[in-house]
Amino acid sequence: MDHTQILLRPVVTEKATALRDGANQVSFFVHADANKIEIKKAVEAAFNVKVTGVNVVMKKPSERLRNRRASHVAGWRKAYVTLAPGEKIEFFEGV
């Protein structure tokens, strides 16, 4: 897979922003079949940075009952990527 297929979109939340500022970690929603090695190579190729670690979190799809109707809730896979000291990915700088 190409890095454009592995990295779907960045996670933009308060927690992700705090991790980016404090722990030098960035987070992405990633393809469900991508492993840690592929995610690491994709981030290094896409943003030209050095990656020291990758942690992956997966939420399985589920069903929710609301007013006696079942609805499908999609699952997702998220990767927390730790960058080497001094490295930085500038997503929304200057916006």
PDB file of N, CA and C in Angstrom:
ATOM      1  N   MET A   1       0.835  -1.193   0.000  1.00  0.00           N
ATOM      2  CA  MET A   1       0.000   0.000   0.000  1.00  0.00           C
ATOM      3  C   MET A   1       0.874   1.250   0.000  1.00  0.00           C
ATOM      4  N   ASP A   2       0.383   2.265  -0.619  1.00  0.00           N
ATOM      5  CA  ASP A   2       1.047   3.554  -0.664  1.00  0.00           C
ATOM      6  C   ASP A   2       0.718   4.330   0.611  1.00  0.00           C
ATOM      7  N   HIS A   3       1.578   5.305   0.976  1.00  0.00           N
ATOM      8  CA  HIS A   3       1.331   6.054   2.208  1.00  0.00           C
ATOM      9  C   HIS A   3       0.041   6.872   2.139  1.00  0.00           C
ATOM     10  N   THR A   4      -0.434   7.186   0.938  1.00  0.00           N
ATOM     11  CA  THR A   4      -1.703   7.909   0.840  1.00  0.00           C
ATOM     12  C   THR A   4      -2.888   7.000   1.144  1.00  0.00           C
ATOM     13  N   GLN A   5      -2.710   5.699   1.008  1.00  0.00           N
ATOM     14  CA  GLN A   5      -3.764   4.751   1.355  1.00  0.00           C
ATOM     15  C   GLN A   5      -3.713   4.363   2.824  1.00  0.00           C
ATOM     16  N   ILE A   6      -2.542   4.424   3.440  1.00  0.00           N
ATOM     17  CA  ILE A   6      -2.395   4.024   4.840  1.00  0.00           C
ATOM     18  C   ILE A   6      -2.861   5.130   5.771  1.00  0.00           C
ATOM     19  N   LEU A   7      -2.384   6.344   5.576  1.00  0.00           N
ATOM     20  CA  LEU A   7      -2.757   7.482   6.421  1.00  0.00           C
ATOM     21  C   LEU A   7      -4.031   8.100   5.871  1.00  0.00           C
ATOM     22  N   LEU A   8      -5.137   7.922   6.574  1.00  0.00           N
ATOM     23  CA  LEU A   8      -6.419   8.417   6.068  1.00  0.00           C
ATOM     24  C   LEU A   8      -6.600   9.897   6.368  1.00  0.00           C
ATOM     25  N   ARG A   9      -6.438  10.284   7.643  1.00  0.00           N
ATOM     26  CA  ARG A   9      -6.564  11.693   8.024  1.00  0.00           C
ATOM     27  C   ARG A   9      -5.990  11.876   9.426  1.00  0.00           C
ATOM     28  N   PRO A  10      -5.555  13.088   9.765  1.00  0.00           N
ATOM     29  CA  PRO A  10      -5.066  13.319  11.126  1.00  0.00           C
ATOM     30  C   PRO A  10      -6.230  13.425  12.106  1.00  0.00           C
ATOM     31  N   VAL A  11      -5.939  13.120  13.353  1.00  0.00           N
ATOM     32  CA  VAL A  11      -6.929  13.259  14.418  1.00  0.00           C
ATOM     33  C   VAL A  11      -6.775  14.659  14.992  1.00  0.00           C
ATOM     34  N   VAL A  12      -7.852  15.431  14.994  1.00  0.00           N
ATOM     35  CA  VAL A  12      -7.818  16.806  15.499  1.00  0.00           C
ATOM     36  C   VAL A  12      -8.772  16.895  16.679  1.00  0.00           C
ATOM     37  N   THR A  13      -8.250  16.630  17.876  1.00  0.00           N
ATOM     38  CA  THR A  13      -9.010  16.727  19.106  1.00  0.00           C
ATOM     39  C   THR A  13      -8.150  17.426  20.146  1.00  0.00           C
ATOM     40  N   GLU A  14      -8.727  17.713  21.306  1.00  0.00           N
ATOM     41  CA  GLU A  14      -7.949  18.330  22.373  1.00  0.00           C
ATOM     42  C   GLU A  14      -6.847  17.407  22.861  1.00  0.00           C
ATOM     43  N   LYS A  15      -7.158  16.116  22.974  1.00  0.00           N
ATOM     44  CA  LYS A  15      -6.163  15.156  23.425  1.00  0.00           C
ATOM     45  C   LYS A  15      -5.016  15.058  22.421  1.00  0.00           C
ATOM     46  N   ALA A  16      -5.330  15.004  21.144  1.00  0.00           N
ATOM     47  CA  ALA A  16      -4.296  14.909  20.118  1.00  0.00           C
ATOM     48  C   ALA A  16      -3.423  16.160  20.102  1.00  0.00           C
ATOM     49  N   THR A  17      -4.019  17.320  20.304  1.00  0.00           N
ATOM     50  CA  THR A  17      -3.256  18.565  20.341  1.00  0.00           C
ATOM     51  C   THR A  17      -2.341  18.608  21.557  1.00  0.00           C
ATOM     52  N   ALA A  18      -2.827  18.152  22.711  1.00  0.00           N
ATOM     53  CA  ALA A  18      -2.006  18.112  23.914  1.00  0.00           C
ATOM     54  C   ALA A  18      -0.839  17.139  23.754  1.00  0.00           C
ATOM     55  N   LEU A  19      -1.076  15.995  23.127  1.00  0.00           N
ATOM     56  CA  LEU A  19       0.007  15.038  22.886  1.00  0.00           C
ATOM     57  C   LEU A  19       1.031  15.588  21.905  1.00  0.00           C
ATOM     58  N   ARG A  20       0.560  16.318  20.902  1.00  0.00           N
ATOM     59  CA  ARG A  20       1.482  16.894  19.929  1.00  0.00           C
ATOM     60  C   ARG A  20       2.385  17.929  20.594  1.00  0.00           C
ATOM     61  N   ASP A  21       1.815  18.736  21.482  1.00  0.00           N
ATOM     62  CA  ASP A  21       2.595  19.777  22.140  1.00  0.00           C
ATOM     63  C   ASP A  21       3.472  19.225  23.257  1.00  0.00           C
ATOM     64  N   GLY A  22       2.944  18.269  24.032  1.00  0.00           N
ATOM     65  CA  GLY A  22       3.666  17.799  25.211  1.00  0.00           C
ATOM     66  C   GLY A  22       4.587  16.619  24.965  1.00  0.00           C
ATOM     67  N   ALA A  23       4.097  15.574  24.332  1.00  0.00           N
ATOM     68  CA  ALA A  23       4.849  14.326  24.206  1.00  0.00           C
ATOM     69  C   ALA A  23       5.462  14.131  22.820  1.00  0.00           C
ATOM     70  N   ASN A  24       5.330  15.112  21.936  1.00  0.00           N
ATOM     71  CA  ASN A  24       5.853  15.021  20.570  1.00  0.00           C
ATOM     72  C   ASN A  24       5.264  13.820  19.828  1.00  0.00           C
ATOM     73  N   GLN A  25       3.945  13.618  19.998  1.00  0.00           N
ATOM     74  CA  GLN A  25       3.232  12.547  19.312  1.00  0.00           C
ATOM     75  C   GLN A  25       2.172  13.160  18.411  1.00  0.00           C
ATOM     76  N   VAL A  26       1.971  12.534  17.264  1.00  0.00           N
ATOM     77  CA  VAL A  26       0.882  12.917  16.374  1.00  0.00           C
ATOM     78  C   VAL A  26       0.005  11.689  16.176  1.00  0.00           C
ATOM     79  N   SER A  27      -1.258  11.907  15.873  1.00  0.00           N
ATOM     80  CA  SER A  27      -2.169  10.768  15.726  1.00  0.00           C
ATOM     81  C   SER A  27      -2.899  10.866  14.394  1.00  0.00           C
ATOM     82  N   PHE A  28      -3.148   9.696  13.814  1.00  0.00           N
ATOM     83  CA  PHE A  28      -3.793   9.578  12.519  1.00  0.00           C
ATOM     84  C   PHE A  28      -4.825   8.471  12.568  1.00  0.00           C
ATOM     85  N   PHE A  29      -5.915   8.625  11.810  1.00  0.00           N
ATOM     86  CA  PHE A  29      -6.764   7.492  11.492  1.00  0.00           C
ATOM     87  C   PHE A  29      -6.061   6.778  10.356  1.00  0.00           C
ATOM     88  N   VAL A  30      -5.914   5.454  10.478  1.00  0.00           N
ATOM     89  CA  VAL A  30      -5.158   4.694   9.495  1.00  0.00           C
ATOM     90  C   VAL A  30      -6.014   3.577   8.926  1.00  0.00           C
ATOM     91  N   HIS A  31      -5.554   2.985   7.838  1.00  0.00           N
ATOM     92  CA  HIS A  31      -6.238   1.875   7.187  1.00  0.00           C
ATOM     93  C   HIS A  31      -6.299   0.695   8.152  1.00  0.00           C
ATOM     94  N   ALA A  32      -7.384  -0.046   8.124  1.00  0.00           N
ATOM     95  CA  ALA A  32      -7.601  -1.133   9.077  1.00  0.00           C
ATOM     96  C   ALA A  32      -6.612  -2.280   8.911  1.00  0.00           C
ATOM     97  N   ASP A  33      -6.028  -2.448   7.743  1.00  0.00           N
ATOM     98  CA  ASP A  33      -5.106  -3.551   7.501  1.00  0.00           C
ATOM     99  C   ASP A  33      -3.645  -3.161   7.663  1.00  0.00           C
ATOM    100  N   ALA A  34      -3.343  -1.907   7.966  1.00  0.00           N
ATOM    101  CA  ALA A  34      -1.957  -1.451   8.077  1.00  0.00           C
ATOM    102  C   ALA A  34      -1.366  -1.874   9.420  1.00  0.00           C
ATOM    103  N   ASN A  35      -0.110  -2.326   9.393  1.00  0.00           N
ATOM    104  CA  ASN A  35       0.565  -2.670  10.642  1.00  0.00           C
ATOM    105  C   ASN A  35       1.498  -1.538  11.057  1.00  0.00           C
ATOM    106  N   LYS A  36       2.184  -1.710  12.200  1.00  0.00           N
ATOM    107  CA  LYS A  36       3.008  -0.640  12.745  1.00  0.00           C
ATOM    108  C   LYS A  36       4.174  -0.277  11.833  1.00  0.00           C
ATOM    109  N   ILE A  37       4.768  -1.250  11.204  1.00  0.00           N
ATOM    110  CA  ILE A  37       5.909  -0.996  10.323  1.00  0.00           C
ATOM    111  C   ILE A  37       5.473  -0.186   9.110  1.00  0.00           C
ATOM    112  N   GLU A  38       4.329  -0.538   8.521  1.00  0.00           N
ATOM    113  CA  GLU A  38       3.821   0.208   7.374  1.00  0.00           C
ATOM    114  C   GLU A  38       3.446   1.630   7.759  1.00  0.00           C
ATOM    115  N   ILE A  39       2.858   1.800   8.949  1.00  0.00           N
ATOM    116  CA  ILE A  39       2.482   3.139   9.413  1.00  0.00           C
ATOM    117  C   ILE A  39       3.725   3.996   9.609  1.00  0.00           C
ATOM    118  N   LYS A  40       4.759   3.412  10.210  1.00  0.00           N
ATOM    119  CA  LYS A  40       6.012   4.140  10.424  1.00  0.00           C
ATOM    120  C   LYS A  40       6.615   4.588   9.099  1.00  0.00           C
ATOM    121  N   LYS A  41       6.696   3.690   8.125  1.00  0.00           N
ATOM    122  CA  LYS A  41       7.256   4.039   6.819  1.00  0.00           C
ATOM    123  C   LYS A  41       6.415   5.084   6.104  1.00  0.00           C
ATOM    124  N   ALA A  42       5.091   5.007   6.259  1.00  0.00           N
ATOM    125  CA  ALA A  42       4.206   5.969   5.605  1.00  0.00           C
ATOM    126  C   ALA A  42       4.387   7.371   6.175  1.00  0.00           C
ATOM    127  N   VAL A  43       4.499   7.487   7.502  1.00  0.00           N
ATOM    128  CA  VAL A  43       4.686   8.807   8.120  1.00  0.00           C
ATOM    129  C   VAL A  43       6.050   9.374   7.739  1.00  0.00           C
ATOM    130  N   GLU A  44       7.080   8.537   7.760  1.00  0.00           N
ATOM    131  CA  GLU A  44       8.411   9.016   7.390  1.00  0.00           C
ATOM    132  C   GLU A  44       8.461   9.462   5.928  1.00  0.00           C
ATOM    133  N   ALA A  45       7.766   8.744   5.042  1.00  0.00           N
ATOM    134  CA  ALA A  45       7.767   9.123   3.631  1.00  0.00           C
ATOM    135  C   ALA A  45       6.915  10.355   3.363  1.00  0.00           C
ATOM    136  N   ALA A  46       5.785  10.465   4.035  1.00  0.00           N
ATOM    137  CA  ALA A  46       4.862  11.560   3.755  1.00  0.00           C
ATOM    138  C   ALA A  46       5.346  12.894   4.318  1.00  0.00           C
ATOM    139  N   PHE A  47       5.962  12.866   5.513  1.00  0.00           N
ATOM    140  CA  PHE A  47       6.294  14.122   6.185  1.00  0.00           C
ATOM    141  C   PHE A  47       7.783  14.350   6.345  1.00  0.00           C
ATOM    142  N   ASN A  48       8.620  13.405   5.896  1.00  0.00           N
ATOM    143  CA  ASN A  48      10.071  13.567   5.937  1.00  0.00           C
ATOM    144  C   ASN A  48      10.572  13.798   7.363  1.00  0.00           C
ATOM    145  N   VAL A  49      10.133  12.939   8.294  1.00  0.00           N
ATOM    146  CA  VAL A  49      10.534  13.013   9.688  1.00  0.00           C
ATOM    147  C   VAL A  49      11.037  11.646  10.144  1.00  0.00           C
ATOM    148  N   LYS A  50      11.657  11.596  11.328  1.00  0.00           N
ATOM    149  CA  LYS A  50      12.131  10.344  11.917  1.00  0.00           C
ATOM    150  C   LYS A  50      11.148   9.909  12.985  1.00  0.00           C
ATOM    151  N   VAL A  51      10.656   8.674  12.893  1.00  0.00           N
ATOM    152  CA  VAL A  51       9.677   8.124  13.828  1.00  0.00           C
ATOM    153  C   VAL A  51      10.385   7.169  14.775  1.00  0.00           C
ATOM    154  N   THR A  52      10.121   7.307  16.095  1.00  0.00           N
ATOM    155  CA  THR A  52      10.741   6.411  17.075  1.00  0.00           C
ATOM    156  C   THR A  52       9.795   5.328  17.562  1.00  0.00           C
ATOM    157  N   GLY A  53       8.477   5.542  17.468  1.00  0.00           N
ATOM    158  CA  GLY A  53       7.547   4.526  17.931  1.00  0.00           C
ATOM    159  C   GLY A  53       6.151   4.733  17.389  1.00  0.00           C
ATOM    160  N   VAL A  54       5.397   3.625  17.346  1.00  0.00           N
ATOM    161  CA  VAL A  54       4.014   3.665  16.865  1.00  0.00           C
ATOM    162  C   VAL A  54       3.159   2.824  17.800  1.00  0.00           C
ATOM    163  N   ASN A  55       2.076   3.390  18.307  1.00  0.00           N
ATOM    164  CA  ASN A  55       1.078   2.664  19.088  1.00  0.00           C
ATOM    165  C   ASN A  55      -0.233   2.705  18.319  1.00  0.00           C
ATOM    166  N   VAL A  56      -0.935   1.567  18.280  1.00  0.00           N
ATOM    167  CA  VAL A  56      -2.148   1.454  17.493  1.00  0.00           C
ATOM    168  C   VAL A  56      -3.320   1.116  18.404  1.00  0.00           C
ATOM    169  N   VAL A  57      -4.435   1.812  18.200  1.00  0.00           N
ATOM    170  CA  VAL A  57      -5.674   1.578  18.934  1.00  0.00           C
ATOM    171  C   VAL A  57      -6.747   1.243  17.916  1.00  0.00           C
ATOM    172  N   MET A  58      -7.563   0.216  18.210  1.00  0.00           N
ATOM    173  CA  MET A  58      -8.606  -0.186  17.280  1.00  0.00           C
ATOM    174  C   MET A  58      -9.939  -0.297  18.002  1.00  0.00           C
ATOM    175  N   LYS A  59     -10.970   0.297  17.424  1.00  0.00           N
ATOM    176  CA  LYS A  59     -12.326   0.157  17.935  1.00  0.00           C
ATOM    177  C   LYS A  59     -13.099  -0.686  16.936  1.00  0.00           C
ATOM    178  N   LYS A  60     -13.649  -1.764  17.417  1.00  0.00           N
ATOM    179  CA  LYS A  60     -14.384  -2.666  16.542  1.00  0.00           C
ATOM    180  C   LYS A  60     -15.760  -2.094  16.211  1.00  0.00           C
ATOM    181  N   PRO A  61     -16.319  -2.439  15.066  1.00  0.00           N
ATOM    182  CA  PRO A  61     -17.676  -1.999  14.732  1.00  0.00           C
ATOM    183  C   PRO A  61     -18.681  -2.589  15.719  1.00  0.00           C
ATOM    184  N   SER A  62     -19.754  -1.861  15.960  1.00  0.00           N
ATOM    185  CA  SER A  62     -20.757  -2.323  16.914  1.00  0.00           C
ATOM    186  C   SER A  62     -22.147  -1.886  16.462  1.00  0.00           C
ATOM    187  N   GLU A  63     -23.128  -2.341  17.193  1.00  0.00           N
ATOM    188  CA  GLU A  63     -24.499  -1.927  16.929  1.00  0.00           C
ATOM    189  C   GLU A  63     -25.027  -1.173  18.138  1.00  0.00           C
ATOM    190  N   ARG A  64     -25.861  -0.207  17.882  1.00  0.00           N
ATOM    191  CA  ARG A  64     -26.461   0.602  18.932  1.00  0.00           C
ATOM    192  C   ARG A  64     -27.970   0.489  18.813  1.00  0.00           C
ATOM    193  N   LEU A  65     -28.628   0.286  19.930  1.00  0.00           N
ATOM    194  CA  LEU A  65     -30.090   0.229  19.940  1.00  0.00           C
ATOM    195  C   LEU A  65     -30.634   1.577  20.387  1.00  0.00           C
ATOM    196  N   ARG A  66     -31.509   2.123  19.565  1.00  0.00           N
ATOM    197  CA  ARG A  66     -32.118   3.401  19.902  1.00  0.00           C
ATOM    198  C   ARG A  66     -33.574   3.338  19.444  1.00  0.00           C
ATOM    199  N   ASN A  67     -34.495   3.490  20.373  1.00  0.00           N
ATOM    200  CA  ASN A  67     -35.925   3.425  20.080  1.00  0.00           C
ATOM    201  C   ASN A  67     -36.302   2.122  19.370  1.00  0.00           C
ATOM    202  N   ARG A  68     -35.796   1.046  19.888  1.00  0.00           N
ATOM    203  CA  ARG A  68     -36.058  -0.302  19.374  1.00  0.00           C
ATOM    204  C   ARG A  68     -35.583  -0.511  17.940  1.00  0.00           C
ATOM    205  N   ARG A  69     -34.650   0.301  17.487  1.00  0.00           N
ATOM    206  CA  ARG A  69     -34.054   0.138  16.166  1.00  0.00           C
ATOM    207  C   ARG A  69     -32.551  -0.029  16.328  1.00  0.00           C
ATOM    208  N   ALA A  70     -32.023  -0.959  15.592  1.00  0.00           N
ATOM    209  CA  ALA A  70     -30.579  -1.191  15.639  1.00  0.00           C
ATOM    210  C   ALA A  70     -29.906  -0.348  14.560  1.00  0.00           C
ATOM    211  N   SER A  71     -28.845   0.320  14.946  1.00  0.00           N
ATOM    212  CA  SER A  71     -28.068   1.076  13.972  1.00  0.00           C
ATOM    213  C   SER A  71     -26.615   0.622  14.067  1.00  0.00           C
ATOM    214  N   HIS A  72     -25.941   0.697  12.962  1.00  0.00           N
ATOM    215  CA  HIS A  72     -24.554   0.249  12.869  1.00  0.00           C
ATOM    216  C   HIS A  72     -23.622   1.415  13.167  1.00  0.00           C
ATOM    217  N   VAL A  73     -22.641   1.194  14.046  1.00  0.00           N
ATOM    218  CA  VAL A  73     -21.616   2.186  14.349  1.00  0.00           C
ATOM    219  C   VAL A  73     -20.305   1.669  13.785  1.00  0.00           C
ATOM    220  N   ALA A  74     -19.703   2.420  12.900  1.00  0.00           N
ATOM    221  CA  ALA A  74     -18.481   1.977  12.234  1.00  0.00           C
ATOM    222  C   ALA A  74     -17.307   1.951  13.207  1.00  0.00           C
ATOM    223  N   GLY A  75     -16.397   1.055  12.970  1.00  0.00           N
ATOM    224  CA  GLY A  75     -15.170   0.982  13.758  1.00  0.00           C
ATOM    225  C   GLY A  75     -14.084   1.836  13.117  1.00  0.00           C
ATOM    226  N   TRP A  76     -12.963   1.989  13.808  1.00  0.00           N
ATOM    227  CA  TRP A  76     -11.842   2.754  13.280  1.00  0.00           C
ATOM    228  C   TRP A  76     -10.549   2.238  13.863  1.00  0.00           C
ATOM    229  N   ARG A  77      -9.456   2.619  13.255  1.00  0.00           N
ATOM    230  CA  ARG A  77      -8.124   2.271  13.727  1.00  0.00           C
ATOM    231  C   ARG A  77      -7.317   3.566  13.765  1.00  0.00           C
ATOM    232  N   LYS A  78      -6.701   3.816  14.906  1.00  0.00           N
ATOM    233  CA  LYS A  78      -5.984   5.062  15.119  1.00  0.00           C
ATOM    234  C   LYS A  78      -4.545   4.749  15.518  1.00  0.00           C
ATOM    235  N   ALA A  79      -3.596   5.508  15.018  1.00  0.00           N
ATOM    236  CA  ALA A  79      -2.189   5.311  15.334  1.00  0.00           C
ATOM    237  C   ALA A  79      -1.642   6.558  16.014  1.00  0.00           C
ATOM    238  N   TYR A  80      -0.977   6.349  17.150  1.00  0.00           N
ATOM    239  CA  TYR A  80      -0.247   7.408  17.836  1.00  0.00           C
ATOM    240  C   TYR A  80       1.220   7.243  17.478  1.00  0.00           C
ATOM    241  N   VAL A  81       1.783   8.216  16.779  1.00  0.00           N
ATOM    242  CA  VAL A  81       3.145   8.135  16.262  1.00  0.00           C
ATOM    243  C   VAL A  81       4.031   9.060  17.080  1.00  0.00           C
ATOM    244  N   THR A  82       5.083   8.482  17.680  1.00  0.00           N
ATOM    245  CA  THR A  82       6.041   9.264  18.454  1.00  0.00           C
ATOM    246  C   THR A  82       7.180   9.675  17.538  1.00  0.00           C
ATOM    247  N   LEU A  83       7.449  10.978  17.504  1.00  0.00           N
ATOM    248  CA  LEU A  83       8.513  11.510  16.654  1.00  0.00           C
ATOM    249  C   LEU A  83       9.804  11.627  17.440  1.00  0.00           C
ATOM    250  N   ALA A  84      10.936  11.591  16.737  1.00  0.00           N
ATOM    251  CA  ALA A  84      12.241  11.757  17.358  1.00  0.00           C
ATOM    252  C   ALA A  84      12.352  13.173  17.922  1.00  0.00           C
ATOM    253  N   PRO A  85      13.182  13.348  18.952  1.00  0.00           N
ATOM    254  CA  PRO A  85      13.356  14.703  19.510  1.00  0.00           C
ATOM    255  C   PRO A  85      13.835  15.682  18.447  1.00  0.00           C
ATOM    256  N   GLY A  86      13.207  16.834  18.410  1.00  0.00           N
ATOM    257  CA  GLY A  86      13.551  17.857  17.434  1.00  0.00           C
ATOM    258  C   GLY A  86      12.744  17.782  16.152  1.00  0.00           C
ATOM    259  N   GLU A  87      12.059  16.688  15.899  1.00  0.00           N
ATOM    260  CA  GLU A  87      11.228  16.540  14.705  1.00  0.00           C
ATOM    261  C   GLU A  87       9.846  17.147  14.959  1.00  0.00           C
ATOM    262  N   LYS A  88       9.209  17.626  13.891  1.00  0.00           N
ATOM    263  CA  LYS A  88       7.907  18.262  14.030  1.00  0.00           C
ATOM    264  C   LYS A  88       7.140  18.129  12.722  1.00  0.00           C
ATOM    265  N   ILE A  89       5.847  17.861  12.841  1.00  0.00           N
ATOM    266  CA  ILE A  89       4.947  17.870  11.686  1.00  0.00           C
ATOM    267  C   ILE A  89       4.026  19.060  11.860  1.00  0.00           C
ATOM    268  N   GLU A  90       4.046  19.951  10.894  1.00  0.00           N
ATOM    269  CA  GLU A  90       3.250  21.168  11.015  1.00  0.00           C
ATOM    270  C   GLU A  90       1.964  21.001  10.211  1.00  0.00           C
ATOM    271  N   PHE A  91       0.895  20.589  10.877  1.00  0.00           N
ATOM    272  CA  PHE A  91      -0.390  20.396  10.224  1.00  0.00           C
ATOM    273  C   PHE A  91      -1.066  21.735   9.948  1.00  0.00           C
ATOM    274  N   PHE A  92      -1.344  22.439  11.021  1.00  0.00           N
ATOM    275  CA  PHE A  92      -2.195  23.614  10.917  1.00  0.00           C
ATOM    276  C   PHE A  92      -1.469  24.858  11.386  1.00  0.00           C
ATOM    277  N   GLU A  93      -0.181  24.920  11.198  1.00  0.00           N
ATOM    278  CA  GLU A  93       0.566  26.097  11.585  1.00  0.00           C
ATOM    279  C   GLU A  93       0.220  27.250  10.655  1.00  0.00           C
ATOM    280  N   GLY A  94      -0.093  28.396  11.213  1.00  0.00           N
ATOM    281  CA  GLY A  94      -0.418  29.563  10.418  1.00  0.00           C
ATOM    282  C   GLY A  94      -1.857  29.640   9.979  1.00  0.00           C
ATOM    283  N   VAL A  95      -2.721  28.753  10.490  1.00  0.00           N
ATOM    284  CA  VAL A  95      -4.138  28.783  10.101  1.00  0.00           C
ATOM    285  C   VAL A  95      -4.901  29.581  11.121  1.00  0.00           C
TER     286      VAL A  95
END
